[in-house]
Amino acid sequence: MNGCDAETGEAPKSLDGLRVHFAGACGIGMSGMAHLAAARGAVVTGCDVSMNGQARSLTVAGIKLWTGHSPDHVGGHDLIVHTAAMPNDHPELAAARELGIQVLSRSRMLARMQRDYKSLCVTGAHGKTTTTWMLARLLIAGGMDPTVLVGGVVSELNGNWRAGGGRWLVCEVDESDGQMVEMRPDASVITNVDREHLEHCGGFDQLLEEFRRYMAAIKAGGLLAICGDDPHLPRLAKDVGKKAVRYGLSSECDVRAENVRLYPMASAFDAVGPWGRFDGITLPMPGRHNVVNALAAVVVAREMGICEAHLREALASCPRVNRRLQVRGNAFGATVVEDYGHHPTEIRETLRAARRFCKGKLLVVFQPHRYTRTRDLMADFAAAFDEADRTIVLPIYAASEAPIEGVNSAKLVEAIAAQGNTDVEAAEDFDGAVKRISALAGHGDVILIQGAGDVYKVADELVG
C-alpha cells in the first residue's frame, strides 16, 4: 500500500458474557487487558494486594475489585488471568484449577487476545513502551483505528489502552517472563537486547534464544523491524532466516536517521530509506534514544502505507508516556522530572538527555528495582550516573522478590562512589530524600526522580 490509503478492516468479535477475573489487576499490563476485555463484552473482576496503580480507572469503568488475594474470588468465572509474580501453587490459582476454571498467565492471555486481530507487537529490553505508543499514534493518524495496549499511561488515551474499531492490535510484549514466544505477530519491532530479566531465563545465551524463537514465530510474510545498531539482533534474524528491515544510526541500516539534532526538550532528524528522504522530522522528546524509537515507527508506518504528511504530524505532536522524562513541576527553584528507567543503559541515556536541559546541578534520586537486577548489574549501575552532580540512592524496591544477603542500596552507594564521577549518598526513606534535596536544590537545577517502583511518591511530595 502507498499514499494515505492505509488498511482498516473490521473489528474482532466480542467477548460477550465471558466471565474473567484478573488476579493482580492493578499492574500496568494487567489493567489494560482488563479494560479491553470489558470493552469487548466480558464480565470482568479483579484483585490486587493494594488499590494503587490503575485501581481508580478500573473502578470507574465498572470493574469490581477486591483488595488482597483469596480463593473466594475465583468462583463463578470462566477464566482466571494472573501476573507472572504469582506462583503456580498460589491458593487463588489452585482453587481455580480445582474448580475446573481455565488459568492463564498475563502473557498467555495477551497471546489469546492477539488471535482476534492482526497484531503489531513491540518487544526489546529498552524503549518498547515509547515505541509502542508512537506506532499506535501513527496508525491512529493513518485512519486505521487500532486497538492499543501500552505499558504506560498516556494522557491522550486517558490511560494505557484503546479499543479501536479496526483490525490491528498494537501491543507491547514483555520479555521478562519468558513467555513472549507464545505470541504470533503479523508484524513486530524489536528495539534491542540487553542483560535484563536474566533471572527468568537462566542467562544471556538463553535470553538470546528466546528472542530467536520469538522472531521465528512471526507469521510468514510478516514485517520484522529490528534496530540495526544492536550487536545481536541482525545475527538472530539471519539465524532464523527472517528478512528484517534494519533501522538505526549506523550507515549499514536500511532505514537511517541522519543529521540528528538534539535540543533541550525535543529532537529532529532526517529519515533516509528505500522511499527516499524525509528531511526535518521533529519529535517533542529529547534524547538520541527517542530518535531511534521514532525511526522504528517510521519504518512500520511506511510499510503500512501511512503517508508522509500523517507521519510527520503524528510524531511532531506525540505526547510522552507518563514517567518518561516527564516534567512534574518545580521545587526549591528546580525543575522536577520523573523517569521510569531502571536499567543502567536506560539511566545513562536519561541522564544524558536531562543534562541538555539542565542549566544548573543535575540531582538524581534513584530507587533500585529488584534485588536480582541490582546484584547482577552492580558494576553497570555504578558507572551509570556519571552525568549527575549528586546521586541519592533509596532502598531497593523489592517488586515481590525476597531480599538477597549482601545486596542493598549501601553496597550500591559504595560502588558508585568508587567510580568517583558523582557525589553519592544514601537516603533511608522518601522523607529523607526530600529533606536532602531541599538542602541541595536551587534555581536552574534539575531534580531527576529515577526508577520503576514507587519512587514517583518523591516527585509527588516535591511538587505538592
Protein backbone atom coordinates (compact mmCIF):
# COMPACT_ATOMS: atom_id res chain seq x y z
CA MET A 1 0.00 0.00 0.00
CA ASN A 2 1.12 3.53 -0.70
CA GLY A 3 -0.07 7.05 -0.10
CA CYS A 4 -2.56 7.79 2.65
CA ASP A 5 -4.93 4.89 1.98
CA ALA A 6 -3.87 2.66 4.88
CA GLU A 7 -5.59 -0.63 5.58
CA THR A 8 -8.51 -0.63 8.00
CA GLY A 9 -10.94 -3.57 8.11
CA GLU A 10 -13.42 -4.95 10.59
CA ALA A 11 -13.12 -5.10 14.35
CA PRO A 12 -12.77 -8.50 16.04
CA LYS A 13 -15.62 -10.45 17.58
CA SER A 14 -16.80 -9.56 21.07
CA LEU A 15 -16.23 -11.45 24.32
CA ASP A 16 -19.88 -11.12 25.34
CA GLY A 17 -20.64 -12.92 28.58
CA LEU A 18 -17.16 -14.38 29.24
CA ARG A 19 -16.51 -14.09 32.99
CA VAL A 20 -12.86 -13.17 33.56
CA HIS A 21 -11.04 -12.49 36.82
CA PHE A 22 -7.66 -10.68 36.76
CA ALA A 23 -5.51 -11.58 39.78
CA GLY A 24 -3.11 -8.66 40.11
CA ALA A 25 -5.38 -6.36 38.13
CA CYS A 26 -3.81 -3.03 39.07
CA GLY A 27 -0.49 -3.57 37.31
CA ILE A 28 0.08 -1.59 34.14
CA GLY A 29 -0.06 -4.61 31.81
CA MET A 30 -2.93 -6.40 33.51
CA SER A 31 -5.13 -3.33 33.85
CA GLY A 32 -5.02 -2.58 30.13
CA MET A 33 -6.12 -6.11 29.27
CA ALA A 34 -8.86 -5.98 31.91
CA HIS A 35 -10.19 -2.76 30.38
CA LEU A 36 -10.05 -4.20 26.87
CA ALA A 37 -11.77 -7.44 27.88
CA ALA A 38 -14.57 -5.44 29.49
CA ALA A 39 -14.87 -3.18 26.43
CA ARG A 40 -15.28 -6.27 24.27
CA GLY A 41 -18.16 -7.56 26.38
CA ALA A 42 -16.57 -9.71 29.08
CA VAL A 43 -17.77 -9.56 32.67
CA VAL A 44 -14.55 -8.60 34.45
CA THR A 45 -13.48 -8.61 38.09
CA GLY A 46 -10.05 -8.18 39.64
CA CYS A 47 -7.98 -8.11 42.79
CA ASP A 48 -4.59 -6.89 43.94
CA VAL A 49 -2.58 -6.63 47.12
CA SER A 50 -3.26 -2.89 47.29
CA MET A 51 -5.54 -0.50 45.47
CA ASN A 52 -2.87 1.63 43.83
CA GLY A 53 -1.75 1.97 40.24
CA GLN A 54 -4.73 1.64 37.93
CA ALA A 55 -7.37 0.81 40.57
CA ARG A 56 -9.30 4.03 40.12
CA SER A 57 -9.65 3.74 36.35
CA LEU A 58 -10.78 0.12 36.66
CA THR A 59 -13.37 1.01 39.27
CA VAL A 60 -14.66 3.95 37.21
CA ALA A 61 -15.07 1.51 34.31
CA GLY A 62 -17.39 -0.58 36.47
CA ILE A 63 -14.93 -3.41 37.16
CA LYS A 64 -15.36 -4.90 40.63
CA LEU A 65 -12.10 -5.05 42.61
CA TRP A 66 -11.11 -6.77 45.82
CA THR A 67 -8.14 -5.86 47.99
CA GLY A 68 -5.86 -8.83 48.53
CA HIS A 69 -5.91 -12.34 47.08
CA SER A 70 -8.32 -15.07 48.15
CA PRO A 71 -9.63 -18.38 46.77
CA ASP A 72 -13.08 -16.90 47.33
CA HIS A 73 -12.54 -14.59 44.35
CA VAL A 74 -12.39 -17.26 41.66
CA GLY A 75 -15.76 -18.99 41.87
CA GLY A 76 -18.25 -18.35 39.08
CA HIS A 77 -15.64 -17.34 36.50
CA ASP A 78 -14.76 -18.89 33.16
CA LEU A 79 -11.15 -17.72 33.13
CA ILE A 80 -8.55 -16.57 35.65
CA VAL A 81 -5.69 -14.36 34.42
CA HIS A 82 -2.71 -13.86 36.72
CA THR A 83 0.54 -11.90 36.84
CA ALA A 84 3.92 -13.58 36.45
CA ALA A 85 4.61 -12.71 40.10
CA MET A 86 2.05 -15.27 41.26
CA PRO A 87 3.50 -18.80 41.63
CA ASN A 88 1.63 -21.73 40.12
CA ASP A 89 0.75 -23.06 43.59
CA HIS A 90 -0.81 -19.77 44.70
CA PRO A 91 -4.07 -20.52 46.63
CA GLU A 92 -6.18 -18.47 44.21
CA LEU A 93 -4.85 -20.36 41.20
CA ALA A 94 -5.03 -23.70 42.96
CA ALA A 95 -8.70 -23.07 43.80
CA ALA A 96 -9.44 -22.19 40.18
CA ARG A 97 -7.88 -25.41 38.89
CA GLU A 98 -9.76 -27.45 41.47
CA LEU A 99 -12.99 -25.90 40.17
CA GLY A 100 -12.02 -26.67 36.57
CA ILE A 101 -11.58 -23.00 35.66
CA GLN A 102 -9.04 -22.18 32.98
CA VAL A 103 -5.96 -20.34 34.26
CA LEU A 104 -3.74 -18.18 32.02
CA SER A 105 -0.72 -16.00 32.71
CA ARG A 106 -0.82 -12.39 31.58
CA SER A 107 1.40 -13.19 28.59
CA ARG A 108 -0.75 -16.14 27.51
CA MET A 109 -3.89 -14.02 27.84
CA LEU A 110 -2.30 -11.41 25.58
CA ALA A 111 -1.48 -14.15 23.07
CA ARG A 112 -5.10 -15.32 23.21
CA MET A 113 -6.48 -11.81 22.67
CA GLN A 114 -4.00 -11.27 19.84
CA ARG A 115 -5.57 -14.07 17.81
CA ASP A 116 -8.65 -11.94 17.17
CA TYR A 117 -6.64 -9.19 15.46
CA LYS A 118 -3.83 -8.53 13.07
CA SER A 119 -1.10 -7.80 15.57
CA LEU A 120 1.78 -5.36 15.62
CA CYS A 121 3.95 -6.26 18.60
CA VAL A 122 6.87 -4.36 20.12
CA THR A 123 9.44 -6.05 22.32
CA GLY A 124 13.01 -5.48 23.50
CA ALA A 125 14.94 -4.53 26.61
CA HIS A 126 14.54 -0.75 26.33
CA GLY A 127 12.25 1.73 24.63
CA LYS A 128 9.36 -0.60 23.89
CA THR A 129 6.69 1.45 25.71
CA THR A 130 7.54 4.70 23.93
CA THR A 131 7.91 2.89 20.59
CA THR A 132 4.55 1.14 21.07
CA TRP A 133 2.83 4.45 21.71
CA MET A 134 4.49 6.13 18.71
CA LEU A 135 3.35 3.29 16.47
CA ALA A 136 -0.17 3.42 17.86
CA ARG A 137 -0.37 7.14 17.25
CA LEU A 138 0.83 6.74 13.68
CA LEU A 139 -1.80 4.08 12.96
CA ILE A 140 -4.47 6.30 14.50
CA ALA A 141 -3.30 9.22 12.34
CA GLY A 142 -3.38 6.93 9.30
CA GLY A 143 -7.06 6.15 9.85
CA MET A 144 -6.52 2.51 10.85
CA ASP A 145 -8.38 2.87 14.18
CA PRO A 146 -6.20 0.34 16.07
CA THR A 147 -6.78 -1.29 19.41
CA VAL A 148 -3.86 -0.41 21.69
CA LEU A 149 -2.26 -1.91 24.80
CA VAL A 150 0.73 0.10 26.00
CA GLY A 151 2.89 -0.37 29.10
CA GLY A 152 2.43 3.12 30.47
CA VAL A 153 -0.19 5.79 30.98
CA VAL A 154 -0.66 8.20 28.06
CA SER A 155 -2.58 11.44 28.56
CA GLU A 156 -4.08 11.29 25.07
CA LEU A 157 -5.55 7.84 25.81
CA ASN A 158 -6.52 8.84 29.34
CA GLY A 159 -4.94 5.56 30.36
CA ASN A 160 -2.95 2.70 28.90
CA TRP A 161 -5.34 1.18 26.39
CA ARG A 162 -7.65 1.92 23.48
CA ALA A 163 -10.46 -0.15 21.98
CA GLY A 164 -10.41 0.59 18.26
CA GLY A 165 -12.77 -0.46 15.52
CA GLY A 166 -10.09 -1.62 13.08
CA ARG A 167 -8.33 -4.91 12.54
CA TRP A 168 -4.98 -4.04 14.11
CA LEU A 169 -3.83 -4.56 17.70
CA VAL A 170 -0.72 -2.58 18.66
CA CYS A 171 0.73 -4.03 21.83
CA GLU A 172 3.83 -4.23 23.96
CA VAL A 173 5.27 -7.70 24.55
CA ASP A 174 7.22 -8.14 27.77
CA GLU A 175 10.30 -10.33 27.53
CA SER A 176 10.62 -10.53 31.32
CA ASP A 177 8.72 -13.77 31.99
CA GLY A 178 9.98 -16.00 29.18
CA GLN A 179 6.57 -16.26 27.53
CA MET A 180 6.91 -13.90 24.57
CA VAL A 181 7.28 -16.98 22.38
CA GLU A 182 3.53 -17.50 22.90
CA MET A 183 2.92 -14.61 20.50
CA ARG A 184 2.36 -14.98 16.75
CA PRO A 185 2.71 -11.42 15.44
CA ASP A 186 1.78 -10.28 11.96
CA ALA A 187 4.39 -7.57 12.35
CA SER A 188 6.94 -6.80 15.03
CA VAL A 189 9.52 -4.27 16.14
CA ILE A 190 12.43 -5.42 18.32
CA THR A 191 14.21 -2.47 19.89
CA ASN A 192 17.30 -4.13 21.40
CA VAL A 193 18.61 -6.95 23.58
CA ASP A 194 20.37 -6.36 26.89
CA ARG A 195 21.30 -8.12 30.12
CA GLU A 196 17.86 -7.76 31.64
CA HIS A 197 15.46 -10.24 33.32
CA LEU A 198 18.15 -12.92 33.31
CA GLU A 199 16.68 -14.42 36.48
CA HIS A 200 13.75 -15.75 34.42
CA CYS A 201 15.68 -17.38 31.61
CA GLY A 202 18.90 -18.54 33.26
CA GLY A 203 21.47 -16.43 31.41
CA PHE A 204 22.15 -14.18 28.45
CA ASP A 205 22.54 -17.01 25.94
CA GLN A 206 19.14 -18.33 26.95
CA LEU A 207 17.68 -14.83 26.57
CA LEU A 208 19.06 -14.62 23.04
CA GLU A 209 17.45 -17.98 22.31
CA GLU A 210 14.07 -16.62 23.44
CA PHE A 211 14.38 -13.68 21.06
CA ARG A 212 15.39 -16.09 18.29
CA ARG A 213 12.29 -18.19 18.91
CA TYR A 214 10.13 -15.08 19.01
CA MET A 215 11.45 -14.00 15.60
CA ALA A 216 10.76 -17.46 14.19
CA ALA A 217 7.12 -17.20 15.37
CA ILE A 218 6.39 -14.08 13.29
CA LYS A 219 3.92 -15.06 10.61
CA ALA A 220 5.21 -15.83 7.14
CA GLY A 221 5.48 -12.66 5.10
CA GLY A 222 5.12 -10.52 8.21
CA LEU A 223 7.18 -7.41 8.84
CA LEU A 224 10.17 -7.65 11.17
CA ALA A 225 11.86 -4.35 12.01
CA ILE A 226 14.98 -4.55 14.17
CA CYS A 227 17.41 -1.97 15.49
CA GLY A 228 20.47 -2.46 13.31
CA ASP A 229 22.67 -0.71 15.88
CA ASP A 230 22.14 -3.61 18.28
CA PRO A 231 25.04 -6.10 18.19
CA HIS A 232 22.78 -9.17 18.45
CA LEU A 233 19.55 -8.65 16.51
CA PRO A 234 20.86 -8.82 12.90
CA ARG A 235 22.58 -12.13 13.64
CA LEU A 236 19.47 -13.57 15.31
CA ALA A 237 17.31 -12.63 12.31
CA LYS A 238 19.80 -14.27 9.97
CA ASP A 239 19.85 -17.41 12.13
CA VAL A 240 16.10 -17.91 11.71
CA GLY A 241 16.05 -16.92 8.04
CA LYS A 242 13.89 -13.85 8.59
CA LYS A 243 14.22 -10.89 6.29
CA ALA A 244 14.40 -7.91 8.60
CA VAL A 245 14.31 -4.18 8.00
CA ARG A 246 17.20 -2.71 9.97
CA TYR A 247 16.72 0.78 11.36
CA GLY A 248 19.11 2.94 13.35
CA LEU A 249 22.00 5.37 13.21
CA SER A 250 24.53 3.09 11.52
CA SER A 251 25.27 3.57 7.83
CA GLU A 252 24.62 -0.17 7.37
CA CYS A 253 20.95 0.18 8.33
CA ASP A 254 18.20 0.01 5.70
CA VAL A 255 16.44 2.99 7.27
CA ARG A 256 18.69 5.56 8.91
CA ALA A 257 18.41 8.71 10.99
CA GLU A 258 20.81 11.32 9.68
CA ASN A 259 21.52 14.92 10.65
CA VAL A 260 20.28 14.24 14.19
CA ARG A 261 19.66 17.42 16.19
CA LEU A 262 19.22 17.12 19.95
CA TYR A 263 17.56 20.02 21.77
CA PRO A 264 16.83 20.51 25.48
CA MET A 265 13.25 19.15 25.27
CA ALA A 266 12.94 17.95 21.67
CA SER A 267 14.85 16.41 18.77
CA ALA A 268 14.87 16.37 14.98
CA PHE A 269 16.31 14.12 12.29
CA ASP A 270 16.20 13.19 8.63
CA ALA A 271 14.81 9.71 7.87
CA VAL A 272 16.50 8.04 4.91
CA GLY A 273 15.13 4.82 3.46
CA PRO A 274 14.05 2.99 0.29
CA TRP A 275 11.36 5.61 -0.29
CA GLY A 276 13.92 8.44 -0.32
CA ARG A 277 14.50 11.09 2.30
CA PHE A 278 12.14 12.76 4.80
CA ASP A 279 14.03 15.85 5.98
CA GLY A 280 13.37 17.57 9.28
CA ILE A 281 11.15 15.14 11.17
CA THR A 282 10.56 16.67 14.59
CA LEU A 283 9.82 14.98 17.89
CA PRO A 284 8.78 16.67 21.17
CA MET A 285 11.03 14.29 23.13
CA PRO A 286 14.72 14.72 23.95
CA GLY A 287 17.47 12.17 23.53
CA ARG A 288 19.13 10.14 20.82
CA HIS A 289 17.33 7.04 22.07
CA ASN A 290 13.96 8.62 21.25
CA VAL A 291 15.15 9.43 17.74
CA VAL A 292 15.83 5.72 17.25
CA ASN A 293 12.43 4.83 18.73
CA ALA A 294 10.76 7.23 16.31
CA LEU A 295 12.71 5.74 13.41
CA ALA A 296 11.20 2.32 14.19
CA ALA A 297 7.76 3.91 13.97
CA VAL A 298 8.67 5.47 10.62
CA VAL A 299 9.66 2.04 9.24
CA VAL A 300 6.34 0.45 10.18
CA ALA A 301 4.28 3.44 9.08
CA ARG A 302 5.79 3.36 5.60
CA GLU A 303 5.36 -0.41 5.32
CA MET A 304 1.68 0.01 6.23
CA GLY A 305 1.09 2.77 3.72
CA ILE A 306 0.78 5.73 6.07
CA CYS A 307 1.72 8.81 4.12
CA GLU A 308 4.47 11.28 4.93
CA ALA A 309 2.10 14.08 5.95
CA HIS A 310 0.32 11.95 8.56
CA LEU A 311 3.64 10.52 9.75
CA ARG A 312 5.19 13.95 10.27
CA GLU A 313 2.21 15.42 12.09
CA ALA A 314 1.72 12.41 14.36
CA LEU A 315 5.36 12.41 15.52
CA ALA A 316 5.62 16.19 15.82
CA SER A 317 2.65 16.30 18.23
CA CYS A 318 3.19 12.98 20.01
CA PRO A 319 2.79 13.36 23.79
CA ARG A 320 5.14 11.45 26.03
CA VAL A 321 4.20 8.41 28.02
CA ASN A 322 3.95 9.29 31.72
CA ARG A 323 7.14 8.77 33.72
CA ARG A 324 9.33 9.05 30.60
CA LEU A 325 11.35 12.23 31.21
CA GLN A 326 8.09 13.75 32.40
CA VAL A 327 8.29 17.26 33.82
CA ARG A 328 6.26 17.17 37.04
CA GLY A 329 6.67 20.74 38.27
CA ASN A 330 9.04 22.87 40.34
CA ALA A 331 10.52 22.70 43.82
CA PHE A 332 13.07 24.98 45.50
CA GLY A 333 13.59 26.76 42.18
CA ALA A 334 14.50 23.48 40.44
CA THR A 335 12.62 21.56 37.74
CA VAL A 336 11.33 18.17 38.93
CA VAL A 337 11.49 15.48 36.24
CA GLU A 338 10.39 11.85 36.59
CA ASP A 339 11.65 8.90 34.58
CA TYR A 340 10.82 5.19 34.71
CA GLY A 341 14.23 3.92 33.56
CA HIS A 342 15.63 1.34 35.95
CA HIS A 343 18.35 -0.44 33.95
CA PRO A 344 21.87 1.05 33.63
CA THR A 345 21.50 1.52 29.87
CA GLU A 346 18.25 3.44 30.35
CA ILE A 347 19.65 5.52 33.19
CA ARG A 348 22.69 6.62 31.17
CA GLU A 349 20.52 7.74 28.23
CA THR A 350 18.07 9.53 30.52
CA LEU A 351 20.81 11.43 32.35
CA ARG A 352 22.43 12.46 29.06
CA ALA A 353 19.10 13.82 27.85
CA ALA A 354 18.45 15.59 31.17
CA ARG A 355 21.88 17.20 31.11
CA ARG A 356 20.95 19.02 27.89
CA PHE A 357 18.12 20.96 29.53
CA CYS A 358 19.79 21.33 32.94
CA LYS A 359 21.20 24.82 33.49
CA GLY A 360 22.47 24.12 37.00
CA LYS A 361 23.09 20.97 39.01
CA LEU A 362 21.64 17.62 37.99
CA LEU A 363 20.38 15.98 41.19
CA VAL A 364 19.23 12.36 40.91
CA VAL A 365 17.06 10.42 43.35
CA PHE A 366 17.32 6.77 42.33
CA GLN A 367 15.35 3.80 43.62
CA PRO A 368 16.93 0.47 42.58
CA HIS A 369 14.36 -2.01 41.29
CA ARG A 370 14.68 -5.70 42.29
CA TYR A 371 17.43 -7.36 44.29
CA THR A 372 18.38 -9.66 41.42
CA ARG A 373 18.86 -6.79 38.94
CA THR A 374 20.91 -4.81 41.48
CA ARG A 375 23.10 -7.83 42.17
CA ASP A 376 23.60 -8.87 38.57
CA LEU A 377 24.28 -5.38 37.20
CA MET A 378 26.04 -3.76 40.17
CA ALA A 379 29.11 -2.72 38.15
CA ASP A 380 26.95 -1.32 35.34
CA PHE A 381 24.83 0.67 37.79
CA ALA A 382 28.00 2.06 39.38
CA ALA A 383 29.04 3.58 36.04
CA ALA A 384 25.57 4.82 35.02
CA PHE A 385 25.43 8.07 36.99
CA ASP A 386 28.43 9.93 35.58
CA GLU A 387 26.28 12.83 34.32
CA ALA A 388 24.83 13.51 37.78
CA ASP A 389 26.26 16.12 40.14
CA ARG A 390 24.69 14.37 43.13
CA THR A 391 23.02 10.96 43.35
CA ILE A 392 20.80 9.95 46.25
CA VAL A 393 20.09 6.22 46.45
CA LEU A 394 16.94 4.91 48.14
CA PRO A 395 16.41 1.38 49.49
CA ILE A 396 15.79 -1.30 46.86
CA TYR A 397 12.20 -1.71 45.65
CA ALA A 398 11.63 -5.46 46.00
CA ALA A 399 8.92 -5.93 43.32
CA SER A 400 7.82 -9.19 45.02
CA GLU A 401 11.39 -10.52 45.38
CA ALA A 402 12.86 -11.75 48.64
CA PRO A 403 15.94 -9.86 49.91
CA ILE A 404 19.35 -11.21 48.91
CA GLU A 405 22.06 -11.17 51.56
CA GLY A 406 24.71 -8.56 50.84
CA VAL A 407 22.63 -6.83 48.14
CA ASN A 408 21.41 -3.44 49.30
CA SER A 409 21.49 0.24 48.50
CA ALA A 410 24.50 0.83 50.77
CA LYS A 411 26.53 -1.58 48.63
CA LEU A 412 25.41 0.27 45.50
CA VAL A 413 26.40 3.62 47.02
CA GLU A 414 29.87 2.20 47.67
CA ALA A 415 30.14 1.01 44.07
CA ILE A 416 29.06 4.37 42.65
CA ALA A 417 31.43 6.25 44.97
CA ALA A 418 34.32 4.07 43.82
CA GLN A 419 33.83 5.41 40.29
CA GLY A 420 34.46 8.93 41.58
CA ASN A 421 32.34 10.64 38.92
CA THR A 422 29.43 11.84 41.06
CA ASP A 423 28.81 12.71 44.69
CA VAL A 424 26.62 9.96 46.08
CA GLU A 425 24.82 9.24 49.32
CA ALA A 426 22.06 7.03 50.68
CA ALA A 427 18.64 8.03 52.00
CA GLU A 428 16.77 5.80 54.41
CA ASP A 429 13.34 6.66 53.04
CA PHE A 430 11.38 9.09 50.89
CA ASP A 431 11.20 11.73 53.64
CA GLY A 432 14.98 11.62 53.98
CA ALA A 433 15.42 12.06 50.24
CA VAL A 434 13.04 15.04 50.15
CA LYS A 435 14.82 16.74 53.08
CA ARG A 436 18.20 16.22 51.45
CA ILE A 437 17.00 17.57 48.11
CA SER A 438 15.59 20.64 49.83
CA ALA A 439 19.07 21.40 51.14
CA LEU A 440 20.78 20.85 47.77
CA ALA A 441 18.44 22.21 45.09
CA GLY A 442 18.35 25.72 43.74
CA HIS A 443 17.32 27.83 40.78
CA GLY A 444 18.18 26.26 37.42
CA ASP A 445 18.80 22.79 38.84
CA VAL A 446 17.05 19.63 37.68
CA ILE A 447 15.82 17.06 40.20
CA LEU A 448 15.51 13.75 38.36
CA ILE A 449 13.38 11.12 40.10
CA GLN A 450 14.54 7.82 38.61
CA GLY A 451 13.15 4.29 38.90
CA ALA A 452 10.31 1.87 38.17
CA GLY A 453 8.96 1.35 41.68
CA ASP A 454 7.01 3.78 43.86
CA VAL A 455 9.70 6.47 43.77
CA TYR A 456 7.15 8.67 41.98
CA LYS A 457 5.93 9.47 45.51
CA VAL A 458 9.08 11.58 45.97
CA ALA A 459 8.06 13.65 42.96
CA ASP A 460 4.52 13.91 44.34
CA GLU A 461 5.90 15.24 47.62
CA LEU A 462 8.27 17.72 45.96
CA VAL A 463 5.70 19.31 43.66
CA GLY A 464 2.90 19.19 46.25
